[in-house]
Each structure stands twice: as structure tokens, then as C-alpha cells.
Amino acid sequence: MPSSAAKPRIGFGLIGPRRDRHALSLDQLAALALPVGDDGVVIGVDAEGRPAVLGINRPTPYDVTLIGGLWTAQVLALRAAATGARVTVETGRAHAWTTLAQAAGGGTQIISLHDVGRVPPQGASAGSPVVVVRDCGMRPPRGRVVSGPWQSVLTLLPYLSPVAPRLMEKSGLVGVQRVSPDEAAQIARIMHLPRPETEALSTLADGVTLWCTPRDRQFVMTQATDAETGLLGSARRMD
């Protein structure tokens, strides 16, 4: 008859072998830290060469305005898709997005294109987040599909336009690429930019974006991978 020590414990099974516990001191714990930032899309590197990450998939509504070029918006769309988000592009120039949409999916449609004003409900969820890219020119109409839980909206403006102040004020994040000195001054008033950042906006290199809120700001250089360069070409501010 087996001894009582060999009897299974109800709900737990047999007692396993005894081993030393795996424990670390607080000093040793720091050695396990991983060199990663917040979860999200790597949009480039900062002035110190560290990865700059945009957490675009959120459980709360999130609006982003980018005053810049199509190239940067398309890199962001590709990288958002690579994180598992479905990307919906509302655009009046589908020809500029068709090659990207076809190449991104590898046989599946993860980047879909829609005419302006014809974006259907996306059904975003935690398991299927959505990024809507609005490439609708200087005066984008109010969108039928707006930001919501797990659905972020990025609006691309080629230059500062009459609707830009409204979009910038409602956005959680604003990206600004090279603009004229007059445009830089207007943006500085809206975003409360210091003088050095304001003066830099008219001299930014292609691929550099000032990402800012009324309180924080960071210059980021977006560096394309070989695959992105082959698909989109080199970084450029003008389309």
C-alpha cells in the first residue's frame, strides 16, 4: 500500500521535486531590464539616437495631426500595420496609396483605401485595433469615422491651413515637419513652442518631425528600413 506521502493532494496533484528557489536581490534585478520603451510604433530616433515610440493603439480616443509629407504618413501607416493594427486610409488620391496597400498585406488586406467621406464603421476592439489615416488635402471635411476606443485617427495636412488650428487643438499629439517661418510662428502660438523650436521648424531636414503637445516636445528623425525605402523611396517633405 503506498505511503501517505505519495498520495495526490486534492486539486494539486503529486508533490513535485524540491528545488532551490530562483530569487534575485534588488541590486541584481536591474540587470534584467530590457532596452525597450513604451509599447507602440517606432517612429524614429530622438536627438540622442534612442528609439522614439508612439503609442497609437489605445483604449481611449486618440487624435494625431501631422503637418508634413505623404512619405512620413505612409511610413507610420506601414509600421502601425506591422504592430497588428488594421489601417484604413481615407484619401482623394488613391493612386498614391495603392502600391503601399497591395505590398503591406502580403495577400491579406491590412491597409484598406476609401474615398473621402466613404469610410464605413471599422469595428475596432482591443484584439483588432484600427488606425484611420485621413489624407484629404488642405481642408479635410469632418470625418464620418472618428476616434474612439482602440481607434486612433491621424490627419495629414500638407501645410498649415484654415482648419489646422481646430485640428491641432483637439489632437492629443501634433507632428510638424518643415514649414515656412510664418507658418512656424502660427504653430508656435497654438502649441506654446519656445523660440528655439519655432526657429528650427523652417530648417528641418527631410524625415525630421517635431512631435509636440502644449507641454512636451521632441524632434524625431524617421529612418526608413531597406524595405520601406524600396517601396516608398527616400525621405522627402514635398510630394
C-alpha atoms as a PDB file:
ATOM      1  CA  MET A   1       0.000   0.000   0.000  1.00  0.00           C
ATOM      2  CA  PRO A   2       1.545   3.372  -0.976  1.00  0.00           C
ATOM      3  CA  SER A   3       2.555   5.660   1.816  1.00  0.00           C
ATOM      4  CA  SER A   4       0.545   8.745   2.629  1.00  0.00           C
ATOM      5  CA  ALA A   5       3.361  10.938   1.228  1.00  0.00           C
ATOM      6  CA  ALA A   6       2.746   9.571  -2.259  1.00  0.00           C
ATOM      7  CA  LYS A   7      -0.983  10.265  -2.229  1.00  0.00           C
ATOM      8  CA  PRO A   8      -2.076  13.030  -4.550  1.00  0.00           C
ATOM      9  CA  ARG A   9      -3.201  16.235  -2.962  1.00  0.00           C
ATOM     10  CA  ILE A  10      -6.772  17.021  -3.938  1.00  0.00           C
ATOM     11  CA  GLY A  11      -6.751  19.679  -6.624  1.00  0.00           C
ATOM     12  CA  PHE A  12      -2.975  19.945  -6.801  1.00  0.00           C
ATOM     13  CA  GLY A  13      -1.643  16.571  -7.987  1.00  0.00           C
ATOM     14  CA  LEU A  14       1.526  14.902  -6.745  1.00  0.00           C
ATOM     15  CA  ILE A  15       4.141  16.856  -4.872  1.00  0.00           C
ATOM     16  CA  GLY A  16       6.963  17.638  -7.278  1.00  0.00           C
ATOM     17  CA  PRO A  17      10.697  17.611  -6.645  1.00  0.00           C
ATOM     18  CA  ARG A  18      12.086  20.172  -4.288  1.00  0.00           C
ATOM     19  CA  ARG A  19      14.479  22.735  -5.863  1.00  0.00           C
ATOM     20  CA  ASP A  20      16.184  25.881  -4.716  1.00  0.00           C
ATOM     21  CA  ARG A  21      14.082  28.976  -5.258  1.00  0.00           C
ATOM     22  CA  HIS A  22      15.067  31.340  -8.053  1.00  0.00           C
ATOM     23  CA  ALA A  23      15.458  34.651  -6.284  1.00  0.00           C
ATOM     24  CA  LEU A  24      17.298  37.901  -7.003  1.00  0.00           C
ATOM     25  CA  SER A  25      18.291  40.765  -4.820  1.00  0.00           C
ATOM     26  CA  LEU A  26      17.122  44.273  -5.722  1.00  0.00           C
ATOM     27  CA  ASP A  27      20.607  45.080  -6.999  1.00  0.00           C
ATOM     28  CA  GLN A  28      20.572  42.052  -9.310  1.00  0.00           C
ATOM     29  CA  LEU A  29      17.054  42.803 -10.575  1.00  0.00           C
ATOM     30  CA  ALA A  30      18.244  45.866 -12.508  1.00  0.00           C
ATOM     31  CA  ALA A  31      20.351  43.604 -14.711  1.00  0.00           C
ATOM     32  CA  LEU A  32      17.166  42.053 -16.139  1.00  0.00           C
ATOM     33  CA  ALA A  33      15.861  45.344 -17.529  1.00  0.00           C
ATOM     34  CA  LEU A  34      15.127  45.287 -21.269  1.00  0.00           C
ATOM     35  CA  PRO A  35      16.145  48.209 -23.509  1.00  0.00           C
ATOM     36  CA  VAL A  36      12.646  48.960 -24.796  1.00  0.00           C
ATOM     37  CA  GLY A  37      10.380  51.956 -24.440  1.00  0.00           C
ATOM     38  CA  ASP A  38       6.616  52.191 -24.269  1.00  0.00           C
ATOM     39  CA  ASP A  39       4.557  49.827 -26.354  1.00  0.00           C
ATOM     40  CA  GLY A  40       3.671  51.220 -29.762  1.00  0.00           C
ATOM     41  CA  VAL A  41       5.018  52.195 -33.159  1.00  0.00           C
ATOM     42  CA  VAL A  42       8.696  53.111 -33.500  1.00  0.00           C
ATOM     43  CA  ILE A  43       8.527  56.380 -35.419  1.00  0.00           C
ATOM     44  CA  GLY A  44      12.258  57.085 -35.474  1.00  0.00           C
ATOM     45  CA  VAL A  45      15.064  58.121 -33.152  1.00  0.00           C
ATOM     46  CA  ASP A  46      15.440  61.147 -30.921  1.00  0.00           C
ATOM     47  CA  ALA A  47      18.404  63.537 -30.713  1.00  0.00           C
ATOM     48  CA  GLU A  48      20.331  61.009 -28.579  1.00  0.00           C
ATOM     49  CA  GLY A  49      19.692  58.170 -31.020  1.00  0.00           C
ATOM     50  CA  ARG A  50      17.175  56.424 -28.775  1.00  0.00           C
ATOM     51  CA  PRO A  51      14.030  54.855 -30.293  1.00  0.00           C
ATOM     52  CA  ALA A  52      11.021  57.190 -30.260  1.00  0.00           C
ATOM     53  CA  VAL A  53       7.804  55.234 -29.787  1.00  0.00           C
ATOM     54  CA  LEU A  54       4.264  56.409 -30.482  1.00  0.00           C
ATOM     55  CA  GLY A  55       1.613  54.524 -28.508  1.00  0.00           C
ATOM     56  CA  ILE A  56      -1.114  54.807 -31.108  1.00  0.00           C
ATOM     57  CA  ASN A  57      -3.271  51.791 -30.156  1.00  0.00           C
ATOM     58  CA  ARG A  58      -5.166  52.964 -27.073  1.00  0.00           C
ATOM     59  CA  PRO A  59      -8.340  52.084 -25.167  1.00  0.00           C
ATOM     60  CA  THR A  60      -9.341  55.767 -25.326  1.00  0.00           C
ATOM     61  CA  PRO A  61      -9.927  58.059 -28.336  1.00  0.00           C
ATOM     62  CA  TYR A  62      -6.688  59.445 -29.748  1.00  0.00           C
ATOM     63  CA  ASP A  63      -6.275  62.054 -32.488  1.00  0.00           C
ATOM     64  CA  VAL A  64      -2.983  62.931 -34.153  1.00  0.00           C
ATOM     65  CA  THR A  65      -2.390  65.757 -36.615  1.00  0.00           C
ATOM     66  CA  LEU A  66       0.658  65.648 -38.891  1.00  0.00           C
ATOM     67  CA  ILE A  67       1.574  68.788 -40.812  1.00  0.00           C
ATOM     68  CA  GLY A  68       4.031  67.203 -43.170  1.00  0.00           C
ATOM     69  CA  GLY A  69       4.633  64.973 -46.121  1.00  0.00           C
ATOM     70  CA  LEU A  70       2.964  61.880 -47.506  1.00  0.00           C
ATOM     71  CA  TRP A  71       6.177  59.867 -47.097  1.00  0.00           C
ATOM     72  CA  THR A  72       6.129  60.146 -43.302  1.00  0.00           C
ATOM     73  CA  ALA A  73       2.410  59.346 -43.097  1.00  0.00           C
ATOM     74  CA  GLN A  74       2.940  56.235 -45.202  1.00  0.00           C
ATOM     75  CA  VAL A  75       5.851  55.029 -43.079  1.00  0.00           C
ATOM     76  CA  LEU A  76       3.665  55.439 -39.995  1.00  0.00           C
ATOM     77  CA  ALA A  77       0.849  53.511 -41.690  1.00  0.00           C
ATOM     78  CA  LEU A  78       3.191  50.643 -42.575  1.00  0.00           C
ATOM     79  CA  ARG A  79       4.589  50.452 -39.068  1.00  0.00           C
ATOM     80  CA  ALA A  80       1.167  50.619 -37.461  1.00  0.00           C
ATOM     81  CA  ALA A  81       0.088  47.709 -39.648  1.00  0.00           C
ATOM     82  CA  ALA A  82       3.209  45.800 -38.560  1.00  0.00           C
ATOM     83  CA  THR A  83       2.055  46.054 -34.921  1.00  0.00           C
ATOM     84  CA  GLY A  84      -1.190  44.261 -35.808  1.00  0.00           C
ATOM     85  CA  ALA A  85      -3.455  47.262 -36.343  1.00  0.00           C
ATOM     86  CA  ARG A  86      -5.812  47.478 -39.289  1.00  0.00           C
ATOM     87  CA  VAL A  87      -5.083  50.665 -41.210  1.00  0.00           C
ATOM     88  CA  THR A  88      -7.854  52.482 -43.045  1.00  0.00           C
ATOM     89  CA  VAL A  89      -6.862  55.293 -45.389  1.00  0.00           C
ATOM     90  CA  GLU A  90      -9.399  57.950 -46.356  1.00  0.00           C
ATOM     91  CA  THR A  91      -7.936  59.711 -49.367  1.00  0.00           C
ATOM     92  CA  GLY A  92      -8.670  61.646 -52.505  1.00  0.00           C
ATOM     93  CA  ARG A  93      -5.515  60.318 -54.161  1.00  0.00           C
ATOM     94  CA  ALA A  94      -5.867  56.560 -54.008  1.00  0.00           C
ATOM     95  CA  HIS A  95      -3.197  56.198 -56.703  1.00  0.00           C
ATOM     96  CA  ALA A  96      -0.584  57.406 -54.191  1.00  0.00           C
ATOM     97  CA  TRP A  97      -1.546  54.650 -51.720  1.00  0.00           C
ATOM     98  CA  THR A  98      -2.388  51.680 -53.959  1.00  0.00           C
ATOM     99  CA  THR A  99       1.107  50.205 -54.214  1.00  0.00           C
ATOM    100  CA  LEU A 100       1.594  50.541 -50.470  1.00  0.00           C
ATOM    101  CA  ALA A 101      -1.729  48.871 -49.668  1.00  0.00           C
ATOM    102  CA  GLN A 102      -1.006  45.973 -52.017  1.00  0.00           C
ATOM    103  CA  ALA A 103       2.508  45.419 -50.687  1.00  0.00           C
ATOM    104  CA  ALA A 104       1.677  45.702 -46.983  1.00  0.00           C
ATOM    105  CA  GLY A 105      -0.715  42.797 -46.662  1.00  0.00           C
ATOM    106  CA  GLY A 106       1.239  40.006 -48.296  1.00  0.00           C
ATOM    107  CA  GLY A 107      -2.025  38.652 -49.659  1.00  0.00           C
ATOM    108  CA  THR A 108      -4.272  39.938 -46.879  1.00  0.00           C
ATOM    109  CA  GLN A 109      -5.878  43.358 -46.756  1.00  0.00           C
ATOM    110  CA  ILE A 110      -4.489  45.088 -43.682  1.00  0.00           C
ATOM    111  CA  ILE A 111      -4.417  48.533 -45.325  1.00  0.00           C
ATOM    112  CA  SER A 112      -7.715  49.457 -46.981  1.00  0.00           C
ATOM    113  CA  LEU A 113      -8.400  52.527 -49.109  1.00  0.00           C
ATOM    114  CA  HIS A 114     -11.612  54.556 -49.183  1.00  0.00           C
ATOM    115  CA  ASP A 115     -12.765  57.706 -50.934  1.00  0.00           C
ATOM    116  CA  VAL A 116     -13.218  60.839 -48.854  1.00  0.00           C
ATOM    117  CA  GLY A 117     -16.407  60.607 -46.800  1.00  0.00           C
ATOM    118  CA  ARG A 118     -16.927  56.910 -47.540  1.00  0.00           C
ATOM    119  CA  VAL A 119     -15.183  55.154 -44.658  1.00  0.00           C
ATOM    120  CA  PRO A 120     -17.521  52.532 -43.168  1.00  0.00           C
ATOM    121  CA  PRO A 121     -17.628  51.693 -39.436  1.00  0.00           C
ATOM    122  CA  GLN A 122     -14.472  49.777 -38.562  1.00  0.00           C
ATOM    123  CA  GLY A 123     -15.490  47.719 -35.545  1.00  0.00           C
ATOM    124  CA  ALA A 124     -12.304  48.415 -33.611  1.00  0.00           C
ATOM    125  CA  SER A 125     -11.572  46.376 -30.490  1.00  0.00           C
ATOM    126  CA  ALA A 126      -8.677  45.536 -28.201  1.00  0.00           C
ATOM    127  CA  GLY A 127      -7.994  42.456 -30.303  1.00  0.00           C
ATOM    128  CA  SER A 128      -8.336  44.348 -33.582  1.00  0.00           C
ATOM    129  CA  PRO A 129      -7.247  47.979 -33.181  1.00  0.00           C
ATOM    130  CA  VAL A 130      -7.681  50.403 -36.059  1.00  0.00           C
ATOM    131  CA  VAL A 131      -5.698  53.399 -37.256  1.00  0.00           C
ATOM    132  CA  VAL A 132      -7.550  55.721 -39.627  1.00  0.00           C
ATOM    133  CA  VAL A 133      -5.294  57.885 -41.783  1.00  0.00           C
ATOM    134  CA  ARG A 134      -7.089  60.903 -43.241  1.00  0.00           C
ATOM    135  CA  ASP A 135      -5.247  62.150 -46.326  1.00  0.00           C
ATOM    136  CA  CYS A 136      -7.899  64.571 -47.512  1.00  0.00           C
ATOM    137  CA  GLY A 137      -5.971  67.669 -48.576  1.00  0.00           C
ATOM    138  CA  MET A 138      -5.759  71.131 -47.048  1.00  0.00           C
ATOM    139  CA  ARG A 139      -9.393  71.249 -45.889  1.00  0.00           C
ATOM    140  CA  PRO A 140     -10.407  67.765 -44.784  1.00  0.00           C
ATOM    141  CA  PRO A 141     -14.159  67.553 -44.158  1.00  0.00           C
ATOM    142  CA  ARG A 142     -15.367  66.341 -40.798  1.00  0.00           C
ATOM    143  CA  GLY A 143     -14.939  62.588 -40.851  1.00  0.00           C
ATOM    144  CA  ARG A 144     -17.783  60.095 -40.603  1.00  0.00           C
ATOM    145  CA  VAL A 145     -15.468  57.784 -38.672  1.00  0.00           C
ATOM    146  CA  VAL A 146     -13.960  59.463 -35.634  1.00  0.00           C
ATOM    147  CA  SER A 147     -11.530  58.352 -32.943  1.00  0.00           C
ATOM    148  CA  GLY A 148     -12.817  56.011 -30.265  1.00  0.00           C
ATOM    149  CA  PRO A 149     -11.662  53.164 -28.041  1.00  0.00           C
ATOM    150  CA  TRP A 150      -8.932  51.272 -29.931  1.00  0.00           C
ATOM    151  CA  GLN A 151      -9.439  53.508 -32.969  1.00  0.00           C
ATOM    152  CA  SER A 152      -6.965  56.339 -33.494  1.00  0.00           C
ATOM    153  CA  VAL A 153      -7.198  58.942 -36.243  1.00  0.00           C
ATOM    154  CA  LEU A 154      -4.175  60.540 -37.908  1.00  0.00           C
ATOM    155  CA  THR A 155      -4.965  63.554 -40.090  1.00  0.00           C
ATOM    156  CA  LEU A 156      -2.341  64.576 -42.651  1.00  0.00           C
ATOM    157  CA  LEU A 157      -2.134  68.229 -43.682  1.00  0.00           C
ATOM    158  CA  PRO A 158       0.465  69.162 -46.330  1.00  0.00           C
ATOM    159  CA  TYR A 159       0.680  72.696 -44.936  1.00  0.00           C
ATOM    160  CA  LEU A 160      -0.919  74.866 -42.306  1.00  0.00           C
ATOM    161  CA  SER A 161      -4.481  75.522 -43.436  1.00  0.00           C
ATOM    162  CA  PRO A 162      -7.536  77.330 -42.021  1.00  0.00           C
ATOM    163  CA  VAL A 163      -8.722  74.096 -40.397  1.00  0.00           C
ATOM    164  CA  ALA A 164      -5.346  73.331 -38.845  1.00  0.00           C
ATOM    165  CA  PRO A 165      -5.841  75.272 -35.573  1.00  0.00           C
ATOM    166  CA  ARG A 166      -9.050  73.378 -34.810  1.00  0.00           C
ATOM    167  CA  LEU A 167      -7.437  70.025 -35.570  1.00  0.00           C
ATOM    168  CA  MET A 168      -4.318  70.816 -33.577  1.00  0.00           C
ATOM    169  CA  GLU A 169      -6.262  71.936 -30.522  1.00  0.00           C
ATOM    170  CA  LYS A 170      -8.338  68.733 -30.420  1.00  0.00           C
ATOM    171  CA  SER A 171      -5.376  66.428 -31.057  1.00  0.00           C
ATOM    172  CA  GLY A 172      -3.543  64.527 -28.383  1.00  0.00           C
ATOM    173  CA  LEU A 173      -0.345  64.855 -30.422  1.00  0.00           C
ATOM    174  CA  VAL A 174       0.808  67.133 -33.247  1.00  0.00           C
ATOM    175  CA  GLY A 175       3.670  66.440 -35.652  1.00  0.00           C
ATOM    176  CA  VAL A 176       5.227  69.285 -37.622  1.00  0.00           C
ATOM    177  CA  GLN A 177       7.720  68.917 -40.436  1.00  0.00           C
ATOM    178  CA  ARG A 178       9.451  71.725 -42.334  1.00  0.00           C
ATOM    179  CA  VAL A 179       7.174  74.759 -42.742  1.00  0.00           C
ATOM    180  CA  SER A 180       7.665  78.412 -43.624  1.00  0.00           C
ATOM    181  CA  PRO A 181       8.698  80.918 -40.919  1.00  0.00           C
ATOM    182  CA  ASP A 182       5.193  82.428 -40.957  1.00  0.00           C
ATOM    183  CA  GLU A 183       3.608  79.007 -40.507  1.00  0.00           C
ATOM    184  CA  ALA A 184       6.101  78.206 -37.746  1.00  0.00           C
ATOM    185  CA  ALA A 185       5.072  81.350 -35.872  1.00  0.00           C
ATOM    186  CA  GLN A 186       1.382  80.404 -36.073  1.00  0.00           C
ATOM    187  CA  ILE A 187       2.073  76.851 -34.941  1.00  0.00           C
ATOM    188  CA  ALA A 188       4.188  78.160 -32.046  1.00  0.00           C
ATOM    189  CA  ARG A 189       1.286  80.261 -30.777  1.00  0.00           C
ATOM    190  CA  ILE A 190      -1.082  77.292 -30.834  1.00  0.00           C
ATOM    191  CA  MET A 191       1.344  74.755 -29.358  1.00  0.00           C
ATOM    192  CA  HIS A 192       3.184  77.144 -27.000  1.00  0.00           C
ATOM    193  CA  LEU A 193       6.572  76.413 -28.553  1.00  0.00           C
ATOM    194  CA  PRO A 194       9.741  78.076 -27.260  1.00  0.00           C
ATOM    195  CA  ARG A 195      11.733  80.239 -29.638  1.00  0.00           C
ATOM    196  CA  PRO A 196      14.489  77.658 -30.485  1.00  0.00           C
ATOM    197  CA  GLU A 197      11.946  75.051 -31.605  1.00  0.00           C
ATOM    198  CA  THR A 198       9.970  77.689 -33.514  1.00  0.00           C
ATOM    199  CA  GLU A 199      13.018  78.843 -35.455  1.00  0.00           C
ATOM    200  CA  ALA A 200      14.058  75.260 -36.183  1.00  0.00           C
ATOM    201  CA  LEU A 201      10.768  74.403 -37.911  1.00  0.00           C
ATOM    202  CA  SER A 202      11.675  76.267 -41.100  1.00  0.00           C
ATOM    203  CA  THR A 203      15.039  74.489 -41.418  1.00  0.00           C
ATOM    204  CA  LEU A 204      14.176  70.858 -40.620  1.00  0.00           C
ATOM    205  CA  ALA A 205      15.714  68.187 -42.828  1.00  0.00           C
ATOM    206  CA  ASP A 206      13.553  65.735 -44.754  1.00  0.00           C
ATOM    207  CA  GLY A 207      12.361  62.984 -42.429  1.00  0.00           C
ATOM    208  CA  VAL A 208      12.592  65.097 -39.263  1.00  0.00           C
ATOM    209  CA  THR A 209       9.405  65.839 -37.327  1.00  0.00           C
ATOM    210  CA  LEU A 210       8.764  67.856 -34.192  1.00  0.00           C
ATOM    211  CA  TRP A 211       6.211  65.840 -32.219  1.00  0.00           C
ATOM    212  CA  CYS A 212       4.601  68.017 -29.578  1.00  0.00           C
ATOM    213  CA  THR A 213       1.816  68.717 -27.140  1.00  0.00           C
ATOM    214  CA  PRO A 214       1.277  72.053 -25.366  1.00  0.00           C
ATOM    215  CA  ARG A 215       3.627  70.781 -22.615  1.00  0.00           C
ATOM    216  CA  ASP A 216       6.133  68.428 -24.252  1.00  0.00           C
ATOM    217  CA  ARG A 217       8.073  68.319 -27.493  1.00  0.00           C
ATOM    218  CA  GLN A 218      10.618  66.090 -29.180  1.00  0.00           C
ATOM    219  CA  PHE A 219      12.439  66.150 -32.504  1.00  0.00           C
ATOM    220  CA  VAL A 220      12.434  62.738 -34.187  1.00  0.00           C
ATOM    221  CA  MET A 221      14.302  61.529 -37.260  1.00  0.00           C
ATOM    222  CA  THR A 222      12.374  58.838 -39.141  1.00  0.00           C
ATOM    223  CA  GLN A 223      14.842  56.450 -40.746  1.00  0.00           C
ATOM    224  CA  ALA A 224      13.387  54.091 -43.330  1.00  0.00           C
ATOM    225  CA  THR A 225      14.278  50.417 -43.439  1.00  0.00           C
ATOM    226  CA  ASP A 226      15.563  48.944 -46.689  1.00  0.00           C
ATOM    227  CA  ALA A 227      12.107  47.518 -47.410  1.00  0.00           C
ATOM    228  CA  GLU A 228      10.426  50.875 -46.754  1.00  0.00           C
ATOM    229  CA  THR A 229      12.925  52.689 -48.978  1.00  0.00           C
ATOM    230  CA  GLY A 230      12.351  50.175 -51.772  1.00  0.00           C
ATOM    231  CA  LEU A 231       8.609  50.742 -51.529  1.00  0.00           C
ATOM    232  CA  LEU A 232       8.392  54.461 -50.766  1.00  0.00           C
ATOM    233  CA  GLY A 233      11.731  55.903 -51.830  1.00  0.00           C
ATOM    234  CA  SER A 234      13.882  58.140 -49.658  1.00  0.00           C
ATOM    235  CA  ALA A 235      12.525  60.577 -47.081  1.00  0.00           C
ATOM    236  CA  ARG A 236      11.008  63.729 -48.519  1.00  0.00           C
ATOM    237  CA  ARG A 237       8.948  66.625 -47.269  1.00  0.00           C
ATOM    238  CA  MET A 238       7.364  67.509 -50.613  1.00  0.00           C
ATOM    239  CA  ASP A 239       5.106  65.105 -52.547  1.00  0.00           C
END
